[in-house]
Amino acid sequence: MPDDPPGTALQRLYALQTDPTNRWRATVLAGALGALLATVHWSAILVGGALVGLAWPTFRRALLAGLGFGIAVVAVFALELALAGTLSNVAAMGMFGALPLAVPLVGGPLGAVVRGLFPDSSARN
């Protein structure tokens, strides 16, 4: 926002969102932090989705980034199960086995909805 004093958190967020290199770095760092936190509790998937979404300049891109974060969490979880030799057992559980797939795919974009609290950085003057 033009009325913000220089160096405010909102201005730094907009600067991060408009620089592609820093945006991708922030996305990878936020995704790694969210995935690490998700090993402690599933609700950290919401936090990871929010952190990933805040790195993107528009609400639509933030939702896609949150979905990408959810897909990455599912892929890492499936890899862990495959390495442990239990992927086929979890897949055989039916609906109970589908729950670990649904939570990240819904939670990532749901967390990224936080991006809607801020105006798009591309719409700034």
C-alpha atoms as a PDB file:
ATOM      1  CA  MET A   1       0.000   0.000   0.000  1.00  0.00           C
ATOM      2  CA  PRO A   2       1.376   3.441  -0.833  1.00  0.00           C
ATOM      3  CA  ASP A   3       0.394   4.866   2.598  1.00  0.00           C
ATOM      4  CA  ASP A   4       2.368   2.250   4.524  1.00  0.00           C
ATOM      5  CA  PRO A   5       5.632   3.432   6.060  1.00  0.00           C
ATOM      6  CA  PRO A   6       8.691   1.957   4.342  1.00  0.00           C
ATOM      7  CA  GLY A   7       9.770  -1.429   5.586  1.00  0.00           C
ATOM      8  CA  THR A   8       6.451  -2.566   7.044  1.00  0.00           C
ATOM      9  CA  ALA A   9       5.637  -6.256   7.087  1.00  0.00           C
ATOM     10  CA  LEU A  10       3.013  -5.780   4.369  1.00  0.00           C
ATOM     11  CA  GLN A  11       5.514  -4.074   2.077  1.00  0.00           C
ATOM     12  CA  ARG A  12       8.058  -6.822   2.651  1.00  0.00           C
ATOM     13  CA  LEU A  13       5.366  -9.412   1.871  1.00  0.00           C
ATOM     14  CA  TYR A  14       4.521  -7.626  -1.386  1.00  0.00           C
ATOM     15  CA  ALA A  15       8.206  -7.405  -2.291  1.00  0.00           C
ATOM     16  CA  LEU A  16       8.565 -11.144  -1.704  1.00  0.00           C
ATOM     17  CA  GLN A  17       5.459 -11.903  -3.775  1.00  0.00           C
ATOM     18  CA  THR A  18       6.605  -9.873  -6.774  1.00  0.00           C
ATOM     19  CA  ASP A  19      10.149 -11.280  -6.970  1.00  0.00           C
ATOM     20  CA  PRO A  20       9.946 -14.745  -8.610  1.00  0.00           C
ATOM     21  CA  THR A  21      13.203 -16.058  -7.137  1.00  0.00           C
ATOM     22  CA  ASN A  22      12.364 -15.065  -3.577  1.00  0.00           C
ATOM     23  CA  ARG A  23       8.776 -16.270  -4.030  1.00  0.00           C
ATOM     24  CA  TRP A  24       9.928 -19.776  -4.964  1.00  0.00           C
ATOM     25  CA  ARG A  25      12.471 -19.837  -2.154  1.00  0.00           C
ATOM     26  CA  ALA A  26       9.788 -18.806   0.331  1.00  0.00           C
ATOM     27  CA  THR A  27       7.391 -21.402  -1.086  1.00  0.00           C
ATOM     28  CA  VAL A  28       9.916 -24.227  -0.722  1.00  0.00           C
ATOM     29  CA  LEU A  29      10.905 -23.099   2.775  1.00  0.00           C
ATOM     30  CA  ALA A  30       7.273 -22.734   3.863  1.00  0.00           C
ATOM     31  CA  GLY A  31       6.385 -26.123   2.382  1.00  0.00           C
ATOM     32  CA  ALA A  32       9.287 -27.808   4.146  1.00  0.00           C
ATOM     33  CA  LEU A  33       8.374 -26.151   7.443  1.00  0.00           C
ATOM     34  CA  GLY A  34       4.704 -27.106   7.032  1.00  0.00           C
ATOM     35  CA  ALA A  35       5.575 -30.711   6.194  1.00  0.00           C
ATOM     36  CA  LEU A  36       7.923 -30.895   9.169  1.00  0.00           C
ATOM     37  CA  LEU A  37       5.239 -29.539  11.481  1.00  0.00           C
ATOM     38  CA  ALA A  38       2.701 -31.961   9.994  1.00  0.00           C
ATOM     39  CA  THR A  39       4.744 -34.854  11.361  1.00  0.00           C
ATOM     40  CA  VAL A  40       3.714 -33.644  14.832  1.00  0.00           C
ATOM     41  CA  HIS A  41       0.027 -32.926  14.199  1.00  0.00           C
ATOM     42  CA  TRP A  42      -2.247 -33.011  11.150  1.00  0.00           C
ATOM     43  CA  SER A  43      -3.514 -29.448  11.750  1.00  0.00           C
ATOM     44  CA  ALA A  44      -0.083 -28.175  10.712  1.00  0.00           C
ATOM     45  CA  ILE A  45      -1.209 -28.893   7.145  1.00  0.00           C
ATOM     46  CA  LEU A  46      -3.407 -25.802   7.512  1.00  0.00           C
ATOM     47  CA  VAL A  47      -0.402 -23.811   8.720  1.00  0.00           C
ATOM     48  CA  GLY A  48       1.733 -25.086   5.847  1.00  0.00           C
ATOM     49  CA  GLY A  49      -0.966 -24.202   3.330  1.00  0.00           C
ATOM     50  CA  ALA A  50      -1.250 -20.711   4.815  1.00  0.00           C
ATOM     51  CA  LEU A  51       2.505 -20.139   4.713  1.00  0.00           C
ATOM     52  CA  VAL A  52       2.777 -21.388   1.146  1.00  0.00           C
ATOM     53  CA  GLY A  53      -0.238 -19.316   0.069  1.00  0.00           C
ATOM     54  CA  LEU A  54       1.149 -16.098   1.532  1.00  0.00           C
ATOM     55  CA  ALA A  55       4.148 -16.315  -0.779  1.00  0.00           C
ATOM     56  CA  TRP A  56       2.002 -15.913  -3.908  1.00  0.00           C
ATOM     57  CA  PRO A  57       0.779 -12.586  -5.348  1.00  0.00           C
ATOM     58  CA  THR A  58      -2.846 -13.497  -6.089  1.00  0.00           C
ATOM     59  CA  PHE A  59      -5.542 -15.425  -4.263  1.00  0.00           C
ATOM     60  CA  ARG A  60      -6.003 -17.910  -7.117  1.00  0.00           C
ATOM     61  CA  ARG A  61      -2.298 -18.726  -7.259  1.00  0.00           C
ATOM     62  CA  ALA A  62      -2.235 -19.079  -3.483  1.00  0.00           C
ATOM     63  CA  LEU A  63      -5.003 -21.690  -3.654  1.00  0.00           C
ATOM     64  CA  LEU A  64      -3.078 -23.592  -6.319  1.00  0.00           C
ATOM     65  CA  ALA A  65       0.073 -23.415  -4.203  1.00  0.00           C
ATOM     66  CA  GLY A  66      -1.891 -24.759  -1.228  1.00  0.00           C
ATOM     67  CA  LEU A  67      -3.171 -27.620  -3.361  1.00  0.00           C
ATOM     68  CA  GLY A  68       0.379 -28.299  -4.530  1.00  0.00           C
ATOM     69  CA  PHE A  69       1.493 -28.386  -0.907  1.00  0.00           C
ATOM     70  CA  GLY A  70      -1.263 -30.894  -0.129  1.00  0.00           C
ATOM     71  CA  ILE A  71      -0.246 -33.090  -3.057  1.00  0.00           C
ATOM     72  CA  ALA A  72       3.383 -32.990  -1.903  1.00  0.00           C
ATOM     73  CA  VAL A  73       2.352 -34.038   1.618  1.00  0.00           C
ATOM     74  CA  VAL A  74       0.351 -36.962   0.193  1.00  0.00           C
ATOM     75  CA  ALA A  75       3.317 -37.998  -1.972  1.00  0.00           C
ATOM     76  CA  VAL A  76       5.738 -37.915   0.962  1.00  0.00           C
ATOM     77  CA  PHE A  77       3.306 -39.886   3.120  1.00  0.00           C
ATOM     78  CA  ALA A  78       2.810 -42.493   0.381  1.00  0.00           C
ATOM     79  CA  LEU A  79       6.586 -42.761  -0.006  1.00  0.00           C
ATOM     80  CA  GLU A  80       6.961 -43.315   3.743  1.00  0.00           C
ATOM     81  CA  LEU A  81       4.319 -46.044   3.649  1.00  0.00           C
ATOM     82  CA  ALA A  82       5.933 -47.675   0.611  1.00  0.00           C
ATOM     83  CA  LEU A  83       9.361 -47.686   2.257  1.00  0.00           C
ATOM     84  CA  ALA A  84       7.844 -49.255   5.369  1.00  0.00           C
ATOM     85  CA  GLY A  85       6.070 -51.878   3.232  1.00  0.00           C
ATOM     86  CA  THR A  86       2.596 -50.935   4.460  1.00  0.00           C
ATOM     87  CA  LEU A  87       1.221 -49.007   1.469  1.00  0.00           C
ATOM     88  CA  SER A  88      -0.839 -51.962   0.241  1.00  0.00           C
ATOM     89  CA  ASN A  89      -2.267 -52.519   3.732  1.00  0.00           C
ATOM     90  CA  VAL A  90      -3.352 -48.883   4.004  1.00  0.00           C
ATOM     91  CA  ALA A  91      -4.844 -48.974   0.503  1.00  0.00           C
ATOM     92  CA  ALA A  92      -6.824 -52.074   1.466  1.00  0.00           C
ATOM     93  CA  MET A  93      -8.493 -50.200   4.327  1.00  0.00           C
ATOM     94  CA  GLY A  94     -10.939 -48.491   1.959  1.00  0.00           C
ATOM     95  CA  MET A  95     -12.450 -45.289   3.336  1.00  0.00           C
ATOM     96  CA  PHE A  96     -10.153 -45.271   6.347  1.00  0.00           C
ATOM     97  CA  GLY A  97      -7.199 -45.405   3.987  1.00  0.00           C
ATOM     98  CA  ALA A  98      -8.613 -42.523   1.948  1.00  0.00           C
ATOM     99  CA  LEU A  99      -8.739 -40.172   4.921  1.00  0.00           C
ATOM    100  CA  PRO A 100      -4.966 -39.545   4.966  1.00  0.00           C
ATOM    101  CA  LEU A 101      -5.310 -38.579   1.290  1.00  0.00           C
ATOM    102  CA  ALA A 102      -8.260 -36.244   1.768  1.00  0.00           C
ATOM    103  CA  VAL A 103      -6.943 -34.261   4.743  1.00  0.00           C
ATOM    104  CA  PRO A 104      -3.901 -32.730   2.973  1.00  0.00           C
ATOM    105  CA  LEU A 105      -5.780 -32.199  -0.296  1.00  0.00           C
ATOM    106  CA  VAL A 106      -8.449 -30.185   1.539  1.00  0.00           C
ATOM    107  CA  GLY A 107      -6.292 -28.717   4.317  1.00  0.00           C
ATOM    108  CA  GLY A 108      -3.593 -27.228   2.070  1.00  0.00           C
ATOM    109  CA  PRO A 109      -5.944 -25.064  -0.008  1.00  0.00           C
ATOM    110  CA  LEU A 110      -8.057 -24.308   3.059  1.00  0.00           C
ATOM    111  CA  GLY A 111      -5.000 -22.918   4.821  1.00  0.00           C
ATOM    112  CA  ALA A 112      -4.091 -20.918   1.712  1.00  0.00           C
ATOM    113  CA  VAL A 113      -7.422 -19.086   2.000  1.00  0.00           C
ATOM    114  CA  VAL A 114      -5.585 -16.850   4.498  1.00  0.00           C
ATOM    115  CA  ARG A 115      -4.121 -15.135   1.417  1.00  0.00           C
ATOM    116  CA  GLY A 116      -7.565 -13.639   0.803  1.00  0.00           C
ATOM    117  CA  LEU A 117      -7.095 -11.355   3.818  1.00  0.00           C
ATOM    118  CA  PHE A 118      -4.602  -9.257   1.846  1.00  0.00           C
ATOM    119  CA  PRO A 119      -5.137  -7.445  -1.459  1.00  0.00           C
ATOM    120  CA  ASP A 120      -3.404  -8.857  -4.527  1.00  0.00           C
ATOM    121  CA  SER A 121       0.095  -7.496  -4.864  1.00  0.00           C
ATOM    122  CA  SER A 122      -0.365  -7.210  -8.643  1.00  0.00           C
ATOM    123  CA  ALA A 123      -3.255  -4.761  -8.067  1.00  0.00           C
ATOM    124  CA  ARG A 124      -1.034  -2.287  -6.221  1.00  0.00           C
ATOM    125  CA  ASN A 125      -0.141   1.130  -7.657  1.00  0.00           C
END
